[in-house]
Amino acid sequence: MKLIPFLGFNGQTHEAMAFYAQVLGGKVTSEMTYRDMPPMEGPEGCGGMPPDTLDHVAHSQLEVGAAILMAADGPPSNGEGSTTINIEVESIEEAERVFAALADGGEIRMPIAETFWAHRWGCLLDRYGTPWMVNCMKQP
């Protein structure tokens, strides 16, 4: 299991991640916009993006040695950034177990399901208000 910080920005992801790569001596290893993704449905916060934000960054990954930092633009957060903890697990069963346990007493923002990049992915706020994403990635 990996715990990966996931930063949310309001249109500055590309610039911020390039800055962090320079400062930390790392490399942005992947980046895609919302326009590049297949359409997604869901509540604001984890679902589809408004048309005027299709060129914002949907996913960016910075690698510094063995450390990983992920980021994306959106949803708007009153001009401030946000941080979500992304949990990357090895199996569908583990993804479903961890998601259910964290969601107990919390608020599911996007139910755990298969996506184009993951066997299972979902996002939620736990009972303490902490935002989480659970990912069981498909291998390239």
N, C-alpha and C. Protein backbone atom coordinates (compact mmCIF):
# COMPACT_ATOMS: atom_id res chain seq x y z
N MET A 1 0.85 -1.17 0.00
CA MET A 1 0.00 0.00 0.00
C MET A 1 0.89 1.23 0.00
N LYS A 2 0.49 2.24 -0.79
CA LYS A 2 1.19 3.52 -0.83
C LYS A 2 0.22 4.62 -0.43
N LEU A 3 0.70 5.57 0.37
CA LEU A 3 -0.05 6.77 0.69
C LEU A 3 0.61 7.91 -0.06
N ILE A 4 -0.15 8.56 -0.96
CA ILE A 4 0.40 9.58 -1.84
C ILE A 4 -0.35 10.88 -1.66
N PRO A 5 0.33 11.97 -1.26
CA PRO A 5 -0.35 13.26 -1.17
C PRO A 5 -0.84 13.69 -2.55
N PHE A 6 -2.05 14.24 -2.59
CA PHE A 6 -2.67 14.69 -3.83
C PHE A 6 -3.12 16.12 -3.62
N LEU A 7 -2.48 17.06 -4.33
CA LEU A 7 -2.75 18.48 -4.17
C LEU A 7 -3.79 18.96 -5.17
N GLY A 8 -4.70 19.79 -4.72
CA GLY A 8 -5.71 20.38 -5.60
C GLY A 8 -5.42 21.86 -5.80
N PHE A 9 -5.47 22.30 -7.05
CA PHE A 9 -5.22 23.69 -7.40
C PHE A 9 -6.40 24.25 -8.18
N ASN A 10 -6.38 25.56 -8.38
CA ASN A 10 -7.42 26.25 -9.13
C ASN A 10 -6.86 26.79 -10.44
N GLY A 11 -6.35 25.88 -11.29
CA GLY A 11 -5.81 26.29 -12.57
C GLY A 11 -4.31 26.47 -12.60
N GLN A 12 -3.61 26.20 -11.49
CA GLN A 12 -2.16 26.41 -11.44
C GLN A 12 -1.35 25.12 -11.35
N THR A 13 -1.97 23.97 -11.57
CA THR A 13 -1.26 22.70 -11.37
C THR A 13 0.00 22.60 -12.21
N HIS A 14 -0.09 22.90 -13.50
CA HIS A 14 1.08 22.75 -14.38
C HIS A 14 2.24 23.60 -13.87
N GLU A 15 1.96 24.85 -13.57
CA GLU A 15 2.99 25.77 -13.07
C GLU A 15 3.54 25.31 -11.72
N ALA A 16 2.66 24.92 -10.81
CA ALA A 16 3.08 24.50 -9.47
C ALA A 16 3.95 23.25 -9.53
N MET A 17 3.54 22.26 -10.31
CA MET A 17 4.30 21.01 -10.34
C MET A 17 5.67 21.21 -11.01
N ALA A 18 5.75 22.08 -12.03
CA ALA A 18 7.05 22.40 -12.63
C ALA A 18 7.96 23.07 -11.61
N PHE A 19 7.38 23.97 -10.81
CA PHE A 19 8.14 24.64 -9.75
C PHE A 19 8.64 23.63 -8.71
N TYR A 20 7.75 22.75 -8.24
CA TYR A 20 8.14 21.75 -7.24
C TYR A 20 9.22 20.82 -7.80
N ALA A 21 9.12 20.44 -9.09
CA ALA A 21 10.13 19.58 -9.71
C ALA A 21 11.49 20.27 -9.69
N GLN A 22 11.50 21.57 -10.02
CA GLN A 22 12.75 22.32 -10.03
C GLN A 22 13.33 22.43 -8.62
N VAL A 23 12.51 22.79 -7.66
CA VAL A 23 12.98 22.99 -6.28
C VAL A 23 13.44 21.68 -5.65
N LEU A 24 12.69 20.60 -5.90
CA LEU A 24 12.97 19.32 -5.24
C LEU A 24 13.91 18.41 -6.03
N GLY A 25 14.25 18.81 -7.27
CA GLY A 25 15.14 17.99 -8.08
C GLY A 25 14.46 16.76 -8.64
N GLY A 26 13.17 16.86 -8.89
CA GLY A 26 12.43 15.73 -9.44
C GLY A 26 12.00 15.96 -10.86
N LYS A 27 11.06 15.13 -11.32
CA LYS A 27 10.59 15.20 -12.70
C LYS A 27 9.10 14.92 -12.74
N VAL A 28 8.36 15.75 -13.49
CA VAL A 28 6.95 15.47 -13.73
C VAL A 28 6.90 14.34 -14.75
N THR A 29 6.39 13.18 -14.34
CA THR A 29 6.43 11.99 -15.20
C THR A 29 5.15 11.76 -15.97
N SER A 30 4.06 12.42 -15.58
CA SER A 30 2.83 12.32 -16.38
C SER A 30 1.96 13.53 -16.11
N GLU A 31 1.20 13.92 -17.14
CA GLU A 31 0.27 15.03 -17.00
C GLU A 31 -0.78 14.91 -18.11
N MET A 32 -2.04 15.10 -17.74
CA MET A 32 -3.12 15.09 -18.73
C MET A 32 -4.17 16.12 -18.33
N THR A 33 -4.87 16.64 -19.34
CA THR A 33 -5.94 17.61 -19.08
C THR A 33 -7.27 16.89 -19.02
N TYR A 34 -8.30 17.60 -18.56
CA TYR A 34 -9.65 17.03 -18.54
C TYR A 34 -10.12 16.73 -19.96
N ARG A 35 -9.70 17.53 -20.93
CA ARG A 35 -10.07 17.30 -22.33
C ARG A 35 -9.54 15.96 -22.82
N ASP A 36 -8.39 15.52 -22.27
CA ASP A 36 -7.76 14.25 -22.69
C ASP A 36 -8.46 13.02 -22.12
N MET A 37 -9.33 13.21 -21.12
CA MET A 37 -9.96 12.09 -20.43
C MET A 37 -11.29 11.72 -21.06
N PRO A 38 -11.68 10.44 -20.95
CA PRO A 38 -13.05 10.08 -21.31
C PRO A 38 -14.01 10.79 -20.36
N PRO A 39 -15.23 11.10 -20.80
CA PRO A 39 -16.18 11.80 -19.91
C PRO A 39 -16.43 11.02 -18.63
N MET A 40 -16.57 11.76 -17.52
CA MET A 40 -16.87 11.17 -16.22
C MET A 40 -18.14 11.80 -15.68
N GLU A 41 -18.92 11.01 -14.99
CA GLU A 41 -20.10 11.54 -14.33
C GLU A 41 -19.86 11.48 -12.83
N GLY A 42 -20.55 12.33 -12.10
CA GLY A 42 -20.44 12.28 -10.65
C GLY A 42 -20.66 13.63 -10.03
N PRO A 43 -20.74 13.65 -8.71
CA PRO A 43 -20.97 14.91 -8.01
C PRO A 43 -19.77 15.84 -8.16
N GLU A 44 -20.03 17.13 -8.09
CA GLU A 44 -18.93 18.09 -8.15
C GLU A 44 -17.95 17.74 -7.05
N GLY A 45 -16.70 17.77 -7.37
CA GLY A 45 -15.66 17.40 -6.41
C GLY A 45 -14.86 16.23 -6.93
N CYS A 46 -15.49 15.32 -7.65
CA CYS A 46 -14.74 14.19 -8.20
C CYS A 46 -15.24 13.82 -9.59
N GLY A 47 -16.32 14.41 -10.04
CA GLY A 47 -16.90 14.03 -11.31
C GLY A 47 -16.44 14.92 -12.45
N GLY A 48 -17.35 15.16 -13.40
CA GLY A 48 -17.04 15.93 -14.58
C GLY A 48 -16.72 17.38 -14.26
N MET A 49 -16.03 18.02 -15.17
CA MET A 49 -15.62 19.41 -15.00
C MET A 49 -16.41 20.29 -15.96
N PRO A 50 -16.63 21.57 -15.61
CA PRO A 50 -17.31 22.50 -16.51
C PRO A 50 -16.53 22.67 -17.81
N PRO A 51 -17.22 22.96 -18.92
CA PRO A 51 -16.55 23.09 -20.23
C PRO A 51 -15.40 24.10 -20.25
N ASP A 52 -15.50 25.18 -19.49
CA ASP A 52 -14.44 26.20 -19.51
C ASP A 52 -13.18 25.76 -18.77
N THR A 53 -13.19 24.58 -18.16
CA THR A 53 -12.01 24.08 -17.46
C THR A 53 -11.43 22.82 -18.12
N LEU A 54 -11.85 22.50 -19.34
CA LEU A 54 -11.38 21.28 -20.00
C LEU A 54 -9.87 21.27 -20.26
N ASP A 55 -9.25 22.44 -20.33
CA ASP A 55 -7.81 22.49 -20.55
C ASP A 55 -7.02 22.56 -19.24
N HIS A 56 -7.71 22.49 -18.11
CA HIS A 56 -7.02 22.41 -16.82
C HIS A 56 -6.46 21.00 -16.64
N VAL A 57 -5.50 20.86 -15.74
CA VAL A 57 -4.82 19.58 -15.52
C VAL A 57 -5.70 18.65 -14.68
N ALA A 58 -5.98 17.47 -15.22
CA ALA A 58 -6.76 16.44 -14.52
C ALA A 58 -5.87 15.54 -13.68
N HIS A 59 -4.62 15.38 -14.10
CA HIS A 59 -3.68 14.54 -13.35
C HIS A 59 -2.26 14.96 -13.68
N SER A 60 -1.46 15.12 -12.64
CA SER A 60 -0.04 15.39 -12.79
C SER A 60 0.68 14.57 -11.72
N GLN A 61 1.80 13.98 -12.11
CA GLN A 61 2.57 13.19 -11.16
C GLN A 61 4.02 13.62 -11.19
N LEU A 62 4.53 13.96 -10.01
CA LEU A 62 5.92 14.36 -9.82
C LEU A 62 6.62 13.25 -9.05
N GLU A 63 7.80 12.84 -9.55
CA GLU A 63 8.58 11.82 -8.86
C GLU A 63 9.92 12.42 -8.45
N VAL A 64 10.26 12.23 -7.18
CA VAL A 64 11.54 12.67 -6.62
C VAL A 64 12.11 11.45 -5.90
N GLY A 65 13.06 10.78 -6.51
CA GLY A 65 13.54 9.52 -5.95
C GLY A 65 12.39 8.53 -5.88
N ALA A 66 12.15 7.96 -4.69
CA ALA A 66 11.05 7.01 -4.52
C ALA A 66 9.75 7.71 -4.11
N ALA A 67 9.80 9.02 -3.89
CA ALA A 67 8.62 9.76 -3.45
C ALA A 67 7.76 10.18 -4.64
N ILE A 68 6.44 10.22 -4.41
CA ILE A 68 5.49 10.63 -5.45
C ILE A 68 4.59 11.71 -4.87
N LEU A 69 4.31 12.71 -5.69
CA LEU A 69 3.35 13.76 -5.38
C LEU A 69 2.43 13.87 -6.58
N MET A 70 1.12 13.85 -6.35
CA MET A 70 0.15 13.98 -7.43
C MET A 70 -0.63 15.28 -7.24
N ALA A 71 -1.20 15.80 -8.34
CA ALA A 71 -1.97 17.03 -8.27
C ALA A 71 -2.93 17.12 -9.44
N ALA A 72 -3.93 18.00 -9.29
CA ALA A 72 -4.89 18.29 -10.36
C ALA A 72 -5.53 19.64 -10.08
N ASP A 73 -6.14 20.22 -11.13
CA ASP A 73 -6.93 21.44 -10.98
C ASP A 73 -8.37 21.06 -10.70
N GLY A 74 -8.92 21.66 -9.66
CA GLY A 74 -10.34 21.51 -9.39
C GLY A 74 -10.64 20.54 -8.28
N PRO A 75 -11.83 20.65 -7.78
CA PRO A 75 -12.78 21.72 -8.02
C PRO A 75 -12.36 22.98 -7.28
N PRO A 76 -12.94 24.15 -7.63
CA PRO A 76 -12.57 25.38 -6.94
C PRO A 76 -12.73 25.24 -5.43
N SER A 77 -11.80 25.83 -4.69
CA SER A 77 -11.84 25.74 -3.23
C SER A 77 -11.62 27.11 -2.60
N ASN A 78 -12.44 28.09 -3.01
CA ASN A 78 -12.37 29.45 -2.46
C ASN A 78 -10.99 30.07 -2.61
N GLY A 79 -10.30 29.76 -3.74
CA GLY A 79 -9.01 30.37 -4.00
C GLY A 79 -7.85 29.73 -3.27
N GLU A 80 -8.11 28.74 -2.45
CA GLU A 80 -7.05 28.05 -1.73
C GLU A 80 -6.86 26.65 -2.29
N GLY A 81 -5.68 26.11 -2.14
CA GLY A 81 -5.44 24.74 -2.57
C GLY A 81 -6.03 23.76 -1.57
N SER A 82 -5.98 22.50 -1.90
CA SER A 82 -6.47 21.47 -1.00
C SER A 82 -5.54 20.27 -1.07
N THR A 83 -5.62 19.40 -0.08
CA THR A 83 -4.82 18.18 -0.06
C THR A 83 -5.72 16.99 0.23
N THR A 84 -5.59 15.95 -0.58
CA THR A 84 -6.30 14.69 -0.42
C THR A 84 -5.24 13.61 -0.28
N ILE A 85 -5.54 12.57 0.48
CA ILE A 85 -4.61 11.45 0.57
C ILE A 85 -5.09 10.36 -0.38
N ASN A 86 -4.22 9.98 -1.31
CA ASN A 86 -4.50 8.93 -2.28
C ASN A 86 -3.88 7.64 -1.75
N ILE A 87 -4.70 6.59 -1.63
CA ILE A 87 -4.21 5.29 -1.20
C ILE A 87 -4.15 4.39 -2.42
N GLU A 88 -2.97 3.89 -2.74
CA GLU A 88 -2.81 2.98 -3.87
C GLU A 88 -2.63 1.57 -3.32
N VAL A 89 -3.56 0.67 -3.68
CA VAL A 89 -3.52 -0.71 -3.19
C VAL A 89 -3.30 -1.66 -4.36
N GLU A 90 -3.00 -2.91 -4.03
CA GLU A 90 -2.64 -3.91 -5.04
C GLU A 90 -3.81 -4.73 -5.58
N SER A 91 -4.94 -4.79 -4.85
CA SER A 91 -6.02 -5.67 -5.29
C SER A 91 -7.38 -4.97 -5.18
N ILE A 92 -8.32 -5.45 -5.97
CA ILE A 92 -9.69 -4.95 -5.95
C ILE A 92 -10.29 -5.16 -4.56
N GLU A 93 -10.04 -6.32 -3.98
CA GLU A 93 -10.59 -6.63 -2.66
C GLU A 93 -10.08 -5.66 -1.60
N GLU A 94 -8.79 -5.34 -1.64
CA GLU A 94 -8.22 -4.40 -0.68
C GLU A 94 -8.78 -3.00 -0.90
N ALA A 95 -8.95 -2.61 -2.16
CA ALA A 95 -9.53 -1.29 -2.47
C ALA A 95 -10.93 -1.19 -1.89
N GLU A 96 -11.74 -2.20 -2.10
CA GLU A 96 -13.12 -2.18 -1.59
C GLU A 96 -13.17 -2.20 -0.07
N ARG A 97 -12.28 -2.97 0.57
CA ARG A 97 -12.23 -3.04 2.03
C ARG A 97 -11.85 -1.69 2.63
N VAL A 98 -10.76 -1.10 2.12
CA VAL A 98 -10.27 0.17 2.65
C VAL A 98 -11.31 1.27 2.41
N PHE A 99 -11.90 1.31 1.21
CA PHE A 99 -12.90 2.33 0.90
C PHE A 99 -14.09 2.23 1.85
N ALA A 100 -14.61 1.02 2.04
CA ALA A 100 -15.76 0.83 2.92
C ALA A 100 -15.45 1.25 4.36
N ALA A 101 -14.27 0.90 4.83
CA ALA A 101 -13.90 1.24 6.20
C ALA A 101 -13.77 2.76 6.38
N LEU A 102 -13.13 3.43 5.43
CA LEU A 102 -12.98 4.88 5.53
C LEU A 102 -14.31 5.60 5.35
N ALA A 103 -15.20 5.05 4.53
CA ALA A 103 -16.50 5.69 4.26
C ALA A 103 -17.49 5.54 5.40
N ASP A 104 -17.25 4.56 6.29
CA ASP A 104 -18.17 4.32 7.40
C ASP A 104 -18.28 5.57 8.28
N GLY A 105 -19.45 6.17 8.30
CA GLY A 105 -19.67 7.39 9.07
C GLY A 105 -19.24 8.65 8.35
N GLY A 106 -18.77 8.51 7.11
CA GLY A 106 -18.31 9.66 6.34
C GLY A 106 -19.25 9.97 5.19
N GLU A 107 -18.72 10.60 4.16
CA GLU A 107 -19.51 11.01 3.00
C GLU A 107 -18.82 10.54 1.73
N ILE A 108 -19.48 9.68 0.96
CA ILE A 108 -18.93 9.20 -0.30
C ILE A 108 -19.14 10.29 -1.35
N ARG A 109 -18.04 10.71 -1.97
CA ARG A 109 -18.11 11.73 -3.02
C ARG A 109 -18.22 11.09 -4.40
N MET A 110 -17.56 9.96 -4.59
CA MET A 110 -17.65 9.18 -5.83
C MET A 110 -17.54 7.72 -5.42
N PRO A 111 -18.60 6.94 -5.62
CA PRO A 111 -18.56 5.53 -5.22
C PRO A 111 -17.41 4.79 -5.89
N ILE A 112 -16.89 3.81 -5.19
CA ILE A 112 -15.78 3.04 -5.75
C ILE A 112 -16.28 2.20 -6.92
N ALA A 113 -15.57 2.30 -8.05
CA ALA A 113 -15.97 1.61 -9.27
C ALA A 113 -14.78 1.54 -10.22
N GLU A 114 -14.93 0.79 -11.30
CA GLU A 114 -13.89 0.73 -12.32
C GLU A 114 -13.89 2.03 -13.12
N THR A 115 -12.68 2.49 -13.49
CA THR A 115 -12.50 3.67 -14.34
C THR A 115 -11.58 3.28 -15.48
N PHE A 116 -11.30 4.21 -16.37
CA PHE A 116 -10.40 3.88 -17.47
C PHE A 116 -8.96 3.68 -17.00
N TRP A 117 -8.58 4.21 -15.83
CA TRP A 117 -7.21 4.05 -15.33
C TRP A 117 -7.09 3.06 -14.18
N ALA A 118 -8.21 2.68 -13.56
CA ALA A 118 -8.12 1.85 -12.36
C ALA A 118 -9.16 0.74 -12.36
N HIS A 119 -8.76 -0.40 -11.76
CA HIS A 119 -9.74 -1.47 -11.54
C HIS A 119 -10.80 -0.99 -10.56
N ARG A 120 -10.36 -0.17 -9.59
CA ARG A 120 -11.28 0.46 -8.64
C ARG A 120 -10.73 1.82 -8.27
N TRP A 121 -11.63 2.82 -8.21
CA TRP A 121 -11.29 4.16 -7.75
C TRP A 121 -12.53 4.77 -7.14
N GLY A 122 -12.35 5.48 -6.06
CA GLY A 122 -13.44 6.21 -5.44
C GLY A 122 -12.88 7.29 -4.54
N CYS A 123 -13.72 8.27 -4.20
CA CYS A 123 -13.26 9.31 -3.29
C CYS A 123 -14.34 9.60 -2.25
N LEU A 124 -13.88 10.04 -1.07
CA LEU A 124 -14.78 10.23 0.05
C LEU A 124 -14.18 11.18 1.06
N LEU A 125 -15.02 11.64 1.97
CA LEU A 125 -14.58 12.32 3.18
C LEU A 125 -14.83 11.34 4.31
N ASP A 126 -13.83 11.09 5.16
CA ASP A 126 -14.06 10.18 6.27
C ASP A 126 -14.85 10.89 7.38
N ARG A 127 -15.15 10.18 8.44
CA ARG A 127 -15.97 10.75 9.53
C ARG A 127 -15.33 11.95 10.21
N TYR A 128 -14.03 12.17 9.95
CA TYR A 128 -13.33 13.29 10.54
C TYR A 128 -13.16 14.46 9.57
N GLY A 129 -13.72 14.30 8.35
CA GLY A 129 -13.63 15.36 7.35
C GLY A 129 -12.38 15.31 6.49
N THR A 130 -11.59 14.24 6.60
CA THR A 130 -10.38 14.10 5.80
C THR A 130 -10.73 13.53 4.43
N PRO A 131 -10.28 14.18 3.34
CA PRO A 131 -10.55 13.66 2.00
C PRO A 131 -9.57 12.54 1.62
N TRP A 132 -10.13 11.47 1.03
CA TRP A 132 -9.35 10.30 0.61
C TRP A 132 -9.75 9.90 -0.81
N MET A 133 -8.80 9.31 -1.54
CA MET A 133 -9.06 8.60 -2.79
C MET A 133 -8.47 7.21 -2.61
N VAL A 134 -9.18 6.21 -3.10
CA VAL A 134 -8.67 4.84 -3.07
C VAL A 134 -8.51 4.39 -4.53
N ASN A 135 -7.32 3.90 -4.87
CA ASN A 135 -6.95 3.52 -6.23
C ASN A 135 -6.40 2.11 -6.27
N CYS A 136 -6.92 1.28 -7.15
CA CYS A 136 -6.30 0.00 -7.52
C CYS A 136 -6.02 0.13 -9.01
N MET A 137 -4.81 0.53 -9.33
CA MET A 137 -4.45 0.93 -10.69
C MET A 137 -4.40 -0.24 -11.67
N LYS A 138 -4.78 0.05 -12.91
CA LYS A 138 -4.56 -0.89 -14.01
C LYS A 138 -3.11 -0.73 -14.43
N GLN A 139 -2.48 -1.82 -14.75
CA GLN A 139 -1.09 -1.76 -15.19
C GLN A 139 -1.03 -1.40 -16.67
N PRO A 140 -0.08 -0.53 -17.06
CA PRO A 140 0.01 -0.12 -18.48
C PRO A 140 0.37 -1.28 -19.38
